[in-house]
Structure formats: C-alpha cells, structure tokens
Amino acid sequence: MNQDTTNIANNRTEVNLKNDYTENPAVKKPTTTWGIVVLVSTFILMIGAAFLVYLLQNDFTEYNLDRMNTTWGFAFFIVASALFLYRAGFFVYNLYLYFKYKPIASVTDEELPTTTVIVPAYNEGKQVYATLMSLAASDFPIEKLQLLAIDDGSKDDTWYWMQEAKKVLGDRVSIYQQPKNKGKRHALYRGFNLGTGEVFVTVDSDSVVNADTLRNLVSPFVVNEKCGAVAGNIRVLNNEKALLPKMLNVSFVLSFEFMRSAESTLESVLCTPGALAAYRRSSVFKCLPEWINQTFMGKASDIGEDRAMTNMILKQGKHVLFQRNAYAYTNVPERYKGLYKMFIRWGRSNVRENIAMSKYVFTNFREGSKLGSRLLFINQFLKIIMSYPLIFLMLFFVVSHPILFISSTLFSIMIFSSFPAFFYAKKYNTSESFWAYSYSILYTFGLFWITPYAIATASKSGWLTRELSQKK
C-alpha cells in the first residue's frame, strides 16, 4: 500500500501536476512580462476613460437630455432603469445568499458512499494520465472507489497513456475504448452503465483534483437525502504563462464560488460542470434514457451534457448543491479562437436548457419553496432575451457617439469589475485579482457577440474545441 502511494506521488510529479498550486489554490503564480504589459495597459485605458468622462460630462448631460425628449429615448430610459433596478436587486439577493452558504464538511470513511468516478477522454494525450493519477491519490477508502476511464475513439496517444496509468494503478482503474468517436455523452453513458457506485462522479480528462476533493464532493449525498447532484469548485490549471487562462481563473472564482454558492443556498445549482460533478445513482437512472436520447429541433444533442443532466435532476424535484471545498483544476483555451468556441458551445447549451427548464419550473415540480429556482430561471431568461436589444443599442451608440461610448463603457468596467476583483483578492491574492478588469474589457469588446450568435445557431451541434491534443 505504501509503495503504491509512493508510485502515484512520483508519477504525479512526472506529469507535472505542480502540487504546490493544485493542493493550495491560494498560492500565487508568477506574472509574465506580457501579463504586466496587459495589466498596465488596462489601467491606463480605464484611468484615461475616467478622465474623458470628467471632461465630457457636459456632453453626456446634453446627450441624455436630447434622448429623453424623444419617445424612444424615454421608453429606453424606463426599460433601462427597470433592468438596472432588477439587476441591482438580484445582485443584493445573491450577496445575501452567498453569505448564508456553507459547504458541507466531509463525513467519516464509514459514512462515505461507494463511488464510481468516470473519466471520458478524447484526444487528451498525456494529460489523461495526470488526471487518473490525481484521482487515485485521493483520500478516499480504496474499497469504496471505482475508477473508470473511457477513451472515446481518440486519434492521438490517449489510449497509450490510459494503459500506462493502468500499469501503475493495476486493478484500481478500469480502462475502456470506444470503437469510434461517439461523443462525450456516449462515453459517460457507458460509464454510468458499467459503474457500481451509489454515487457517480464525472471528471474531465484535462483536470486534476485535490486529495480531499472526492470525499468533500460526495458528502452532501449522506447529509441530505434529497440531494440529487453536486457541483464541484473549478479553477484553472494552465494559468502560469498564457494571458487568457489568468483572466478566466479570476472569472471562474466569481461564477463558481459566488454565483453557485448563492444557487446552492436555494438548492438549485443550474449546472454541475463536466470538469467535476457528482450524481446520485438513482437520480441518474431515472433520466438516463431521456438524457442519452435528448434532441433539439430534431437533432441529437451532443453538447451540454452536464447542464442537461442537472436540468433533468432538478425536474425530478431533487436538490442540486455546490461544494466550495471540492476543487478541480482544469485546462482552458489559451487563444481567442478556442475561447470563443468554448463560449459558443456553452451559450447554445444555455439556450436549449432554458427552453427545457421553462416547461417545468412554474409547475409543482418539487416539495417546498420553488421561488428561488424560478428567480434563477427568470434571471437566465432575461439575459438571453435582452441580448439582441442591448447589442443593437450598443452599435447605435458606437456609430452616433463613439468617444462617449468608449469612455463611458471603460468607466463602467472600472466600476462594475471592482466587485469580482475585490472578491478574488479577499479569497486568494490581490495581484491576480486585477485580471478581472482585463477580462471585462475582453468580454465587452471581444466576446459581446457570443450570446446573440449562440441564440441564432442554437440548433447547431459539435464540440468545436476538441481537436488533436498538443503537447501539454
């Protein structure tokens, strides 16, 4: 047993898991020269924008007065004010829910349920080896843990690295190979049918976990008998040099640790992420036929399998929770093209599942209060339906008053991005928190088109980002 543990630890070092980062997410990572340039440029832009807003305050006043004198301008003012008040109120509500949230502490070894961990992989290369080694090194009773790895017809050396992991771990891992690439959903489906655990855990093949992640993730199923699914806490693994992962790391903290904490207080987390999620076995098999055969506009759904599973479990009346103390670290795109493709996939899934959620969320779908679930749905729905009006207004503002648009937008970013920056600084470290401003600028000017495009192309399928793996 001690020799096995030593082998696993040695191999984790070999595949460059960087335990000093993954075991402690608060550890500060170095900032590159380009990173410093981007951060400095960000602040120069925002300070310049604030100065422009000060110089052009009379122009802003005149513009707003002129707009108020027209019918469409007054109507816009009323709608914009109503939306602002709603969003501000919803933010305060989320803040209240966040402070109420507490993660569930790990139960004892005797209480832990038998657990099957499923790792689907496609063109992941050596990284899948790192994933399996980190899972095998978990502080979880070996006799209660079943580890399954499924190669979904990869075209690279993913199967070789699964075999290498098998050589080290022996009977602790079972590996399977799909005859051809059928998609992540089908790989998971095979894992669900092979698994024997009371709880299923799904982990992406480009992710690694902390030693206590699995036990923290599955403990809510013991404490809460109504719990059907649990979302893990996702951080970025490859955020040492590339700029986009640095930005996304800060963004993930807000979307997971803030938003999902609030959703968990309402027992209605809307999406359990593919990188790390857990499901009660009975809840999975209640919806498994519907899930594997899911279609949208007559086409088989090959994206959004995590959001779909969450939605179907919520529909059963089960609670879906978030465990802030269950960390996974996952690779994210390092280039703009990969980033927007990932967001398009998420956006299409969001559109589809909001439509599916609308069919049950206002029914008596579960015992107890349903108000929280309905408010979360309304908030998601408003974001979708308002995307087109907002983008048209933005383009009109750009054409009619470009200087006013740029200065006011950058000034707004400086104000509204201060919350995620402060939140990250409070939770982890101050220097990395400034990436919140850079990310907001990137999203506002470079990714604003994602939601409207995702709505227009919601029926399209395809993973978009999974090509032959590069050296990791």
Protein backbone atom coordinates (compact mmCIF):
# COMPACT_ATOMS: atom_id res chain seq x y z
CA MET A 1 0.00 0.00 0.00
CA ASN A 2 2.79 2.43 0.92
CA GLN A 3 4.66 1.50 -2.25
CA ASP A 4 1.54 2.20 -4.35
CA THR A 5 1.17 5.61 -2.75
CA THR A 6 4.83 6.38 -3.45
CA ASN A 7 4.47 5.34 -7.10
CA ILE A 8 1.39 7.52 -7.54
CA ALA A 9 3.12 10.51 -5.96
CA ASN A 10 6.19 10.04 -8.15
CA ASN A 11 4.11 9.82 -11.30
CA ARG A 12 2.13 12.91 -10.35
CA THR A 13 5.43 14.77 -10.26
CA GLU A 14 6.45 13.22 -13.61
CA VAL A 15 3.38 14.57 -15.41
CA ASN A 16 3.98 17.99 -13.94
CA LEU A 17 0.87 18.35 -11.78
CA LYS A 18 2.53 21.16 -9.82
CA ASN A 19 1.20 20.13 -6.42
CA ASP A 20 2.28 23.42 -4.90
CA TYR A 21 -0.50 25.01 -6.97
CA THR A 22 -3.17 22.32 -7.05
CA GLU A 23 -3.06 21.50 -3.34
CA ASN A 24 -3.35 25.16 -2.41
CA PRO A 25 -5.35 27.31 -4.82
CA ALA A 26 -4.29 30.45 -2.97
CA VAL A 27 -0.64 30.05 -3.96
CA LYS A 28 0.45 32.99 -6.08
CA LYS A 29 1.71 32.27 -9.58
CA PRO A 30 4.27 34.38 -11.41
CA THR A 31 3.11 37.08 -13.80
CA THR A 32 4.88 37.22 -17.17
CA THR A 33 6.20 40.38 -18.84
CA TRP A 34 3.28 40.33 -21.26
CA GLY A 35 0.95 39.96 -18.32
CA ILE A 36 2.38 43.08 -16.70
CA VAL A 37 2.05 44.97 -20.01
CA VAL A 38 -1.62 43.95 -20.32
CA LEU A 39 -2.43 44.90 -16.73
CA VAL A 40 -0.70 48.28 -17.03
CA SER A 41 -2.43 48.95 -20.35
CA THR A 42 -5.78 48.04 -18.79
CA PHE A 43 -5.37 50.61 -16.06
CA ILE A 44 -4.13 53.28 -18.42
CA LEU A 45 -7.27 52.72 -20.53
CA MET A 46 -9.61 52.93 -17.57
CA ILE A 47 -7.93 55.95 -16.00
CA GLY A 48 -8.00 57.64 -19.39
CA ALA A 49 -11.69 56.76 -19.71
CA ALA A 50 -12.44 58.23 -16.28
CA PHE A 51 -10.63 61.42 -17.27
CA LEU A 52 -12.60 61.57 -20.54
CA VAL A 53 -15.87 61.08 -18.69
CA TYR A 54 -14.92 64.01 -16.45
CA LEU A 55 -14.02 66.22 -19.44
CA LEU A 56 -17.14 65.23 -21.40
CA GLN A 57 -19.65 65.36 -18.57
CA ASN A 58 -21.49 68.27 -20.25
CA ASP A 59 -21.74 66.24 -23.47
CA PHE A 60 -23.13 63.30 -21.52
CA THR A 61 -25.75 65.53 -19.92
CA GLU A 62 -26.73 67.04 -23.25
CA TYR A 63 -26.91 63.61 -24.90
CA ASN A 64 -29.14 62.22 -22.16
CA LEU A 65 -31.43 65.25 -22.22
CA ASP A 66 -31.78 65.04 -26.00
CA ARG A 67 -32.59 61.36 -25.75
CA MET A 68 -35.18 61.95 -23.02
CA ASN A 69 -37.02 64.39 -25.30
CA THR A 70 -37.83 61.63 -27.78
CA THR A 71 -40.42 58.90 -27.37
CA TRP A 72 -37.97 56.06 -27.95
CA GLY A 73 -35.45 57.72 -25.68
CA PHE A 74 -37.91 57.99 -22.82
CA ALA A 75 -39.04 54.39 -23.37
CA PHE A 76 -35.43 53.26 -23.36
CA PHE A 77 -34.83 55.17 -20.12
CA ILE A 78 -37.78 53.44 -18.44
CA VAL A 79 -36.74 49.97 -19.62
CA ALA A 80 -33.06 50.55 -18.79
CA SER A 81 -33.95 51.84 -15.32
CA ALA A 82 -36.18 48.85 -14.66
CA LEU A 83 -33.45 46.43 -15.79
CA PHE A 84 -30.84 48.22 -13.71
CA LEU A 85 -33.01 48.09 -10.60
CA TYR A 86 -33.76 44.41 -11.22
CA ARG A 87 -30.09 43.53 -11.72
CA ALA A 88 -29.04 45.55 -8.70
CA GLY A 89 -31.73 43.90 -6.60
CA PHE A 90 -30.77 40.45 -7.85
CA PHE A 91 -27.12 41.14 -7.05
CA VAL A 92 -28.00 42.14 -3.47
CA TYR A 93 -30.14 38.99 -3.23
CA ASN A 94 -27.21 36.86 -4.43
CA LEU A 95 -24.93 38.58 -1.94
CA TYR A 96 -27.34 37.68 0.86
CA LEU A 97 -27.50 34.06 -0.35
CA TYR A 98 -23.71 33.89 -0.64
CA PHE A 99 -23.23 34.87 3.00
CA LYS A 100 -25.79 32.25 4.04
CA TYR A 101 -23.96 29.50 2.15
CA LYS A 102 -21.78 26.97 3.99
CA PRO A 103 -20.14 23.94 2.35
CA ILE A 104 -20.91 20.57 3.90
CA ALA A 105 -17.98 19.12 5.82
CA SER A 106 -16.65 15.69 4.88
CA VAL A 107 -18.34 12.73 6.51
CA THR A 108 -16.38 9.83 8.00
CA ASP A 109 -14.89 6.99 5.95
CA GLU A 110 -17.61 4.67 7.26
CA GLU A 111 -20.36 7.03 6.08
CA LEU A 112 -18.92 7.72 2.62
CA PRO A 113 -20.98 6.09 -0.15
CA THR A 114 -19.48 3.74 -2.71
CA THR A 115 -18.42 5.95 -5.59
CA THR A 116 -17.72 5.43 -9.28
CA VAL A 117 -15.51 8.06 -10.93
CA ILE A 118 -15.91 8.26 -14.72
CA VAL A 119 -13.22 9.95 -16.84
CA PRO A 120 -14.21 10.29 -20.53
CA ALA A 121 -11.31 11.28 -22.80
CA TYR A 122 -10.88 12.27 -26.42
CA ASN A 123 -7.56 13.41 -27.89
CA GLU A 124 -6.27 14.30 -24.44
CA GLY A 125 -2.81 12.81 -24.72
CA LYS A 126 -0.64 12.62 -21.63
CA GLN A 127 -2.94 14.80 -19.55
CA VAL A 128 -5.34 11.90 -19.00
CA TYR A 129 -2.53 10.12 -17.16
CA ALA A 130 -2.22 13.08 -14.81
CA THR A 131 -5.99 13.08 -14.26
CA LEU A 132 -6.09 9.40 -13.32
CA MET A 133 -3.09 9.70 -11.04
CA SER A 134 -4.56 12.62 -9.14
CA LEU A 135 -7.84 10.72 -8.65
CA ALA A 136 -6.02 7.60 -7.48
CA ALA A 137 -4.14 9.68 -4.90
CA SER A 138 -7.43 10.80 -3.34
CA ASP A 139 -8.01 10.47 0.38
CA PHE A 140 -10.90 8.07 -0.16
CA PRO A 141 -11.34 4.47 1.02
CA ILE A 142 -9.95 2.30 -1.79
CA GLU A 143 -12.60 -0.38 -1.30
CA LYS A 144 -15.33 2.22 -1.91
CA LEU A 145 -13.82 3.81 -5.03
CA GLN A 146 -14.25 2.53 -8.59
CA LEU A 147 -12.24 4.40 -11.23
CA LEU A 148 -13.30 4.10 -14.89
CA ALA A 149 -11.50 5.72 -17.85
CA ILE A 150 -13.11 5.64 -21.29
CA ASP A 151 -11.26 6.58 -24.47
CA ASP A 152 -13.84 7.93 -26.90
CA GLY A 153 -12.08 6.84 -30.09
CA SER A 154 -9.14 9.23 -29.79
CA LYS A 155 -6.85 9.82 -32.77
CA ASP A 156 -3.78 10.57 -30.67
CA ASP A 157 -1.96 8.66 -27.90
CA THR A 158 -4.69 8.97 -25.26
CA TRP A 159 -5.22 5.19 -25.14
CA TYR A 160 -1.48 4.64 -24.65
CA TRP A 161 -1.47 6.93 -21.58
CA MET A 162 -4.52 5.17 -20.18
CA GLN A 163 -2.62 1.90 -20.50
CA GLU A 164 0.38 3.47 -18.77
CA ALA A 165 -1.87 4.54 -15.90
CA LYS A 166 -3.27 1.02 -15.76
CA LYS A 167 0.27 -0.37 -15.40
CA VAL A 168 0.84 1.79 -12.32
CA LEU A 169 -2.61 1.55 -10.73
CA GLY A 170 -3.47 -2.04 -11.63
CA ASP A 171 -6.95 -3.09 -10.50
CA ARG A 172 -7.64 0.36 -9.08
CA VAL A 173 -8.57 1.60 -12.56
CA SER A 174 -10.51 0.00 -15.40
CA ILE A 175 -9.94 1.34 -18.91
CA TYR A 176 -12.23 1.03 -21.93
CA GLN A 177 -12.00 2.10 -25.55
CA GLN A 178 -14.98 3.11 -27.68
CA PRO A 179 -14.85 1.54 -31.19
CA LYS A 180 -15.19 5.03 -32.67
CA ASN A 181 -15.67 8.61 -31.53
CA LYS A 182 -19.32 8.94 -30.47
CA GLY A 183 -19.08 12.00 -28.22
CA LYS A 184 -18.62 12.68 -24.52
CA ARG A 185 -22.27 11.94 -23.71
CA HIS A 186 -21.96 8.37 -25.03
CA ALA A 187 -18.67 7.81 -23.19
CA LEU A 188 -20.34 8.89 -19.95
CA TYR A 189 -23.36 6.73 -20.76
CA ARG A 190 -21.12 3.69 -20.99
CA GLY A 191 -19.53 4.64 -17.68
CA PHE A 192 -22.91 5.02 -15.98
CA ASN A 193 -23.91 1.53 -17.12
CA LEU A 194 -20.60 0.00 -16.04
CA GLY A 195 -20.44 1.79 -12.69
CA THR A 196 -21.45 0.08 -9.46
CA GLY A 197 -21.24 3.00 -7.03
CA GLU A 198 -24.10 4.62 -5.14
CA VAL A 199 -22.74 7.94 -6.43
CA PHE A 200 -21.30 8.76 -9.86
CA VAL A 201 -18.55 11.37 -10.16
CA THR A 202 -17.63 12.73 -13.60
CA VAL A 203 -14.22 14.33 -14.13
CA ASP A 204 -12.92 15.81 -17.38
CA SER A 205 -9.72 14.25 -18.69
CA ASP A 206 -7.88 17.59 -18.65
CA SER A 207 -8.46 18.13 -14.93
CA VAL A 208 -6.73 17.22 -11.68
CA VAL A 209 -8.16 17.19 -8.16
CA ASN A 210 -7.01 17.73 -4.59
CA ALA A 211 -6.63 14.77 -2.25
CA ASP A 212 -9.81 15.67 -0.34
CA THR A 213 -11.91 16.63 -3.38
CA LEU A 214 -13.83 13.37 -3.82
CA ARG A 215 -14.80 12.94 -0.18
CA ASN A 216 -15.93 16.57 0.06
CA LEU A 217 -17.86 16.28 -3.21
CA VAL A 218 -19.91 13.21 -2.25
CA SER A 219 -20.56 14.03 1.42
CA PRO A 220 -23.78 16.04 0.71
CA PHE A 221 -25.47 12.83 -0.50
CA VAL A 222 -25.05 11.41 3.01
CA VAL A 223 -26.20 14.54 4.83
CA ASN A 224 -29.10 15.46 2.50
CA GLU A 225 -31.28 12.58 1.30
CA LYS A 226 -32.98 14.90 -1.23
CA CYS A 227 -29.66 15.79 -2.88
CA GLY A 228 -29.55 14.51 -6.46
CA ALA A 229 -26.40 16.22 -7.75
CA VAL A 230 -23.41 18.24 -6.55
CA ALA A 231 -21.25 20.73 -8.45
CA GLY A 232 -17.52 20.97 -7.76
CA ASN A 233 -15.42 24.13 -7.49
CA ILE A 234 -13.49 24.69 -10.73
CA ARG A 235 -10.22 26.58 -11.01
CA VAL A 236 -7.83 26.99 -13.95
CA LEU A 237 -4.82 24.66 -14.17
CA ASN A 238 -2.83 26.21 -17.04
CA ASN A 239 -2.69 29.79 -15.75
CA GLU A 240 1.05 30.25 -15.43
CA LYS A 241 2.01 32.00 -18.66
CA ALA A 242 -0.89 32.44 -21.09
CA LEU A 243 -2.97 35.56 -20.51
CA LEU A 244 -6.47 34.18 -21.20
CA PRO A 245 -6.21 31.45 -18.51
CA LYS A 246 -5.14 34.11 -15.99
CA MET A 247 -8.28 36.10 -16.78
CA LEU A 248 -10.51 33.02 -16.74
CA ASN A 249 -9.13 31.92 -13.39
CA VAL A 250 -10.46 35.10 -11.78
CA SER A 251 -13.74 34.82 -13.73
CA PHE A 252 -14.22 31.21 -12.60
CA VAL A 253 -13.92 32.21 -8.95
CA LEU A 254 -16.83 34.63 -9.33
CA SER A 255 -19.00 32.26 -11.38
CA PHE A 256 -18.37 29.29 -9.10
CA GLU A 257 -17.61 30.50 -5.61
CA PHE A 258 -20.04 33.42 -5.69
CA MET A 259 -22.84 32.51 -8.09
CA ARG A 260 -23.00 28.78 -7.37
CA SER A 261 -22.78 29.40 -3.63
CA ALA A 262 -25.88 31.58 -3.96
CA GLU A 263 -27.63 28.99 -6.15
CA SER A 264 -26.72 26.24 -3.68
CA THR A 265 -28.39 28.14 -0.85
CA LEU A 266 -31.56 27.83 -2.94
CA GLU A 267 -30.73 24.13 -3.54
CA SER A 268 -30.94 24.88 -7.26
CA VAL A 269 -27.50 24.99 -8.87
CA LEU A 270 -28.31 25.26 -12.57
CA CYS A 271 -25.25 23.47 -13.94
CA THR A 272 -22.97 20.83 -12.48
CA PRO A 273 -19.75 21.29 -14.50
CA GLY A 274 -18.31 18.49 -16.58
CA ALA A 275 -14.89 19.10 -15.04
CA LEU A 276 -16.16 17.92 -11.65
CA ALA A 277 -19.67 16.83 -10.71
CA ALA A 278 -21.38 14.12 -8.68
CA TYR A 279 -24.79 12.48 -9.16
CA ARG A 280 -26.87 10.11 -7.06
CA ARG A 281 -27.14 6.79 -8.91
CA SER A 282 -30.92 6.56 -8.60
CA SER A 283 -31.34 10.11 -9.97
CA VAL A 284 -29.16 9.33 -12.98
CA PHE A 285 -31.04 6.18 -13.95
CA LYS A 286 -34.39 7.94 -13.67
CA CYS A 287 -33.44 10.24 -16.52
CA LEU A 288 -30.73 8.25 -18.35
CA PRO A 289 -32.88 7.14 -21.35
CA GLU A 290 -34.17 10.69 -21.87
CA TRP A 291 -30.65 12.11 -21.44
CA ILE A 292 -28.88 9.83 -23.92
CA ASN A 293 -31.65 10.27 -26.50
CA GLN A 294 -32.06 14.02 -26.00
CA THR A 295 -32.70 16.03 -29.16
CA PHE A 296 -33.09 19.69 -30.04
CA MET A 297 -35.02 20.72 -33.15
CA GLY A 298 -34.88 17.14 -34.41
CA LYS A 299 -31.11 16.71 -33.98
CA ALA A 300 -29.31 14.58 -31.39
CA SER A 301 -27.78 16.70 -28.62
CA ASP A 302 -24.03 16.23 -28.48
CA ILE A 303 -23.23 19.27 -26.31
CA GLY A 304 -24.30 20.47 -22.89
CA GLU A 305 -24.49 17.01 -21.35
CA ASP A 306 -23.68 18.43 -17.89
CA ARG A 307 -26.35 21.16 -17.99
CA ALA A 308 -28.89 18.67 -19.40
CA MET A 309 -28.26 16.13 -16.63
CA THR A 310 -28.56 18.88 -14.00
CA ASN A 311 -31.81 20.12 -15.52
CA MET A 312 -33.35 16.66 -15.58
CA ILE A 313 -32.39 16.02 -11.95
CA LEU A 314 -33.84 19.39 -10.87
CA LYS A 315 -37.02 18.41 -12.73
CA GLN A 316 -37.23 15.29 -10.54
CA GLY A 317 -37.61 17.60 -7.52
CA LYS A 318 -34.11 16.83 -6.25
CA HIS A 319 -31.75 19.35 -4.67
CA VAL A 320 -28.63 20.33 -6.61
CA LEU A 321 -25.85 21.72 -4.41
CA PHE A 322 -22.36 23.23 -4.70
CA GLN A 323 -19.33 22.18 -2.66
CA ARG A 324 -16.87 25.06 -2.40
CA ASN A 325 -14.36 22.75 -0.66
CA ALA A 326 -14.21 20.27 -3.59
CA TYR A 327 -11.59 21.65 -6.00
CA ALA A 328 -10.75 20.58 -9.54
CA TYR A 329 -8.19 22.34 -11.75
CA THR A 330 -8.86 22.21 -15.46
CA ASN A 331 -7.16 23.37 -18.66
CA VAL A 332 -8.87 26.19 -20.57
CA PRO A 333 -8.20 27.64 -24.05
CA GLU A 334 -5.11 29.80 -24.33
CA ARG A 335 -6.09 31.51 -27.58
CA TYR A 336 -9.04 33.67 -28.56
CA LYS A 337 -10.36 31.19 -31.13
CA GLY A 338 -10.53 28.37 -28.63
CA LEU A 339 -12.12 30.66 -26.06
CA TYR A 340 -14.96 31.89 -28.23
CA LYS A 341 -15.68 28.35 -29.45
CA MET A 342 -15.96 27.18 -25.86
CA PHE A 343 -18.31 30.06 -25.03
CA ILE A 344 -20.44 29.39 -28.11
CA ARG A 345 -20.88 25.77 -27.00
CA TRP A 346 -21.84 26.90 -23.51
CA GLY A 347 -24.17 29.56 -24.94
CA ARG A 348 -26.03 27.10 -27.16
CA SER A 349 -26.45 24.71 -24.25
CA ASN A 350 -27.73 27.57 -22.10
CA VAL A 351 -30.38 28.47 -24.69
CA ARG A 352 -31.52 24.86 -25.08
CA GLU A 353 -31.71 24.09 -21.38
CA ASN A 354 -33.52 27.33 -20.54
CA ILE A 355 -36.19 26.29 -23.01
CA ALA A 356 -36.33 22.86 -21.35
CA MET A 357 -36.46 24.42 -17.88
CA SER A 358 -39.32 26.72 -18.87
CA LYS A 359 -41.52 23.62 -19.32
CA TYR A 360 -41.41 22.62 -15.64
CA VAL A 361 -40.07 25.44 -13.46
CA PHE A 362 -43.52 27.03 -12.98
CA THR A 363 -45.17 23.71 -12.15
CA ASN A 364 -45.26 21.97 -8.78
CA PHE A 365 -42.04 20.14 -9.65
CA ARG A 366 -40.73 19.69 -6.10
CA GLU A 367 -41.70 19.90 -2.44
CA GLY A 368 -41.02 23.09 -0.55
CA SER A 369 -40.29 26.55 -1.92
CA LYS A 370 -39.78 26.86 -5.66
CA LEU A 371 -39.39 30.64 -5.71
CA GLY A 372 -35.59 30.55 -5.75
CA SER A 373 -35.47 28.19 -8.73
CA ARG A 374 -37.92 30.39 -10.59
CA LEU A 375 -35.96 33.56 -9.89
CA LEU A 376 -32.77 31.93 -11.16
CA PHE A 377 -34.58 30.86 -14.32
CA ILE A 378 -36.04 34.35 -14.87
CA ASN A 379 -32.60 35.88 -14.48
CA GLN A 380 -31.14 33.49 -17.08
CA PHE A 381 -34.10 34.08 -19.40
CA LEU A 382 -33.75 37.87 -19.22
CA LYS A 383 -30.06 37.67 -20.10
CA ILE A 384 -30.97 35.73 -23.24
CA ILE A 385 -33.92 37.78 -24.49
CA MET A 386 -32.20 41.12 -23.80
CA SER A 387 -29.04 40.23 -25.71
CA TYR A 388 -30.34 41.44 -29.10
CA PRO A 389 -31.79 44.78 -27.95
CA LEU A 390 -28.63 45.54 -25.99
CA ILE A 391 -26.32 44.77 -28.89
CA PHE A 392 -28.34 46.96 -31.27
CA LEU A 393 -28.29 49.83 -28.77
CA MET A 394 -24.57 49.39 -28.32
CA LEU A 395 -23.95 49.54 -32.08
CA PHE A 396 -26.17 52.64 -32.35
CA PHE A 397 -24.21 54.32 -29.55
CA VAL A 398 -20.91 53.39 -31.23
CA VAL A 399 -21.96 54.96 -34.54
CA SER A 400 -23.59 58.08 -33.11
CA HIS A 401 -21.20 58.93 -30.25
CA PRO A 402 -18.06 56.76 -30.45
CA ILE A 403 -15.99 58.75 -27.93
CA LEU A 404 -18.82 58.88 -25.43
CA PHE A 405 -19.38 55.14 -25.90
CA ILE A 406 -15.74 54.14 -25.37
CA SER A 407 -15.17 56.41 -22.39
CA SER A 408 -18.44 55.53 -20.63
CA THR A 409 -18.02 51.80 -21.28
CA LEU A 410 -14.47 51.69 -19.93
CA PHE A 411 -15.50 53.78 -16.94
CA SER A 412 -18.39 51.38 -16.28
CA ILE A 413 -16.00 48.43 -16.49
CA MET A 414 -13.77 50.09 -13.91
CA ILE A 415 -16.74 50.45 -11.55
CA PHE A 416 -18.52 47.13 -12.04
CA SER A 417 -15.39 44.95 -12.27
CA SER A 418 -14.25 46.13 -8.88
CA PHE A 419 -16.55 43.63 -7.15
CA PRO A 420 -15.07 40.47 -8.77
CA ALA A 421 -11.58 41.94 -8.29
CA PHE A 422 -12.24 42.59 -4.61
CA PHE A 423 -13.90 39.19 -4.20
CA TYR A 424 -10.89 37.38 -5.67
CA ALA A 425 -8.43 39.48 -3.67
CA LYS A 426 -10.29 38.68 -0.47
CA LYS A 427 -10.44 34.96 -1.23
CA TYR A 428 -6.98 34.44 -2.72
CA ASN A 429 -4.44 37.15 -3.57
CA THR A 430 -4.50 40.77 -4.63
CA SER A 431 -2.12 40.80 -7.61
CA GLU A 432 -4.09 38.22 -9.61
CA SER A 433 -7.38 39.97 -8.86
CA PHE A 434 -6.60 42.78 -11.32
CA TRP A 435 -7.18 40.35 -14.18
CA ALA A 436 -10.90 40.91 -13.53
CA TYR A 437 -10.61 44.29 -15.26
CA SER A 438 -8.74 42.88 -18.27
CA TYR A 439 -11.28 40.08 -18.64
CA SER A 440 -14.20 42.54 -18.56
CA ILE A 441 -12.61 44.60 -21.33
CA LEU A 442 -12.01 41.46 -23.40
CA TYR A 443 -15.58 40.25 -22.91
CA THR A 444 -17.18 43.63 -23.57
CA PHE A 445 -15.29 44.36 -26.78
CA GLY A 446 -14.30 40.88 -27.98
CA LEU A 447 -17.00 38.45 -26.85
CA PHE A 448 -20.17 40.58 -26.74
CA TRP A 449 -21.49 38.75 -29.82
CA ILE A 450 -21.44 35.27 -28.26
CA THR A 451 -24.96 35.16 -26.78
CA PRO A 452 -26.77 36.58 -29.86
CA TYR A 453 -24.80 34.19 -32.09
CA ALA A 454 -25.49 31.23 -29.78
CA ILE A 455 -29.22 32.01 -29.90
CA ALA A 456 -29.22 32.21 -33.70
CA THR A 457 -27.28 28.94 -34.03
CA ALA A 458 -28.73 27.05 -31.05
CA SER A 459 -29.69 24.09 -33.25
CA LYS A 460 -26.11 23.52 -34.39
CA SER A 461 -24.08 20.77 -32.80
CA GLY A 462 -20.42 19.96 -32.45
CA TRP A 463 -17.90 20.20 -29.63
CA LEU A 464 -15.85 22.85 -31.54
CA THR A 465 -12.78 22.81 -29.27
CA ARG A 466 -11.63 19.20 -29.17
CA GLU A 467 -9.05 18.61 -31.85
CA LEU A 468 -5.84 16.58 -31.76
CA SER A 469 -4.17 17.41 -28.47
CA GLN A 470 -1.00 19.41 -28.37
CA LYS A 471 1.84 18.59 -26.02
CA LYS A 472 0.65 19.58 -22.53
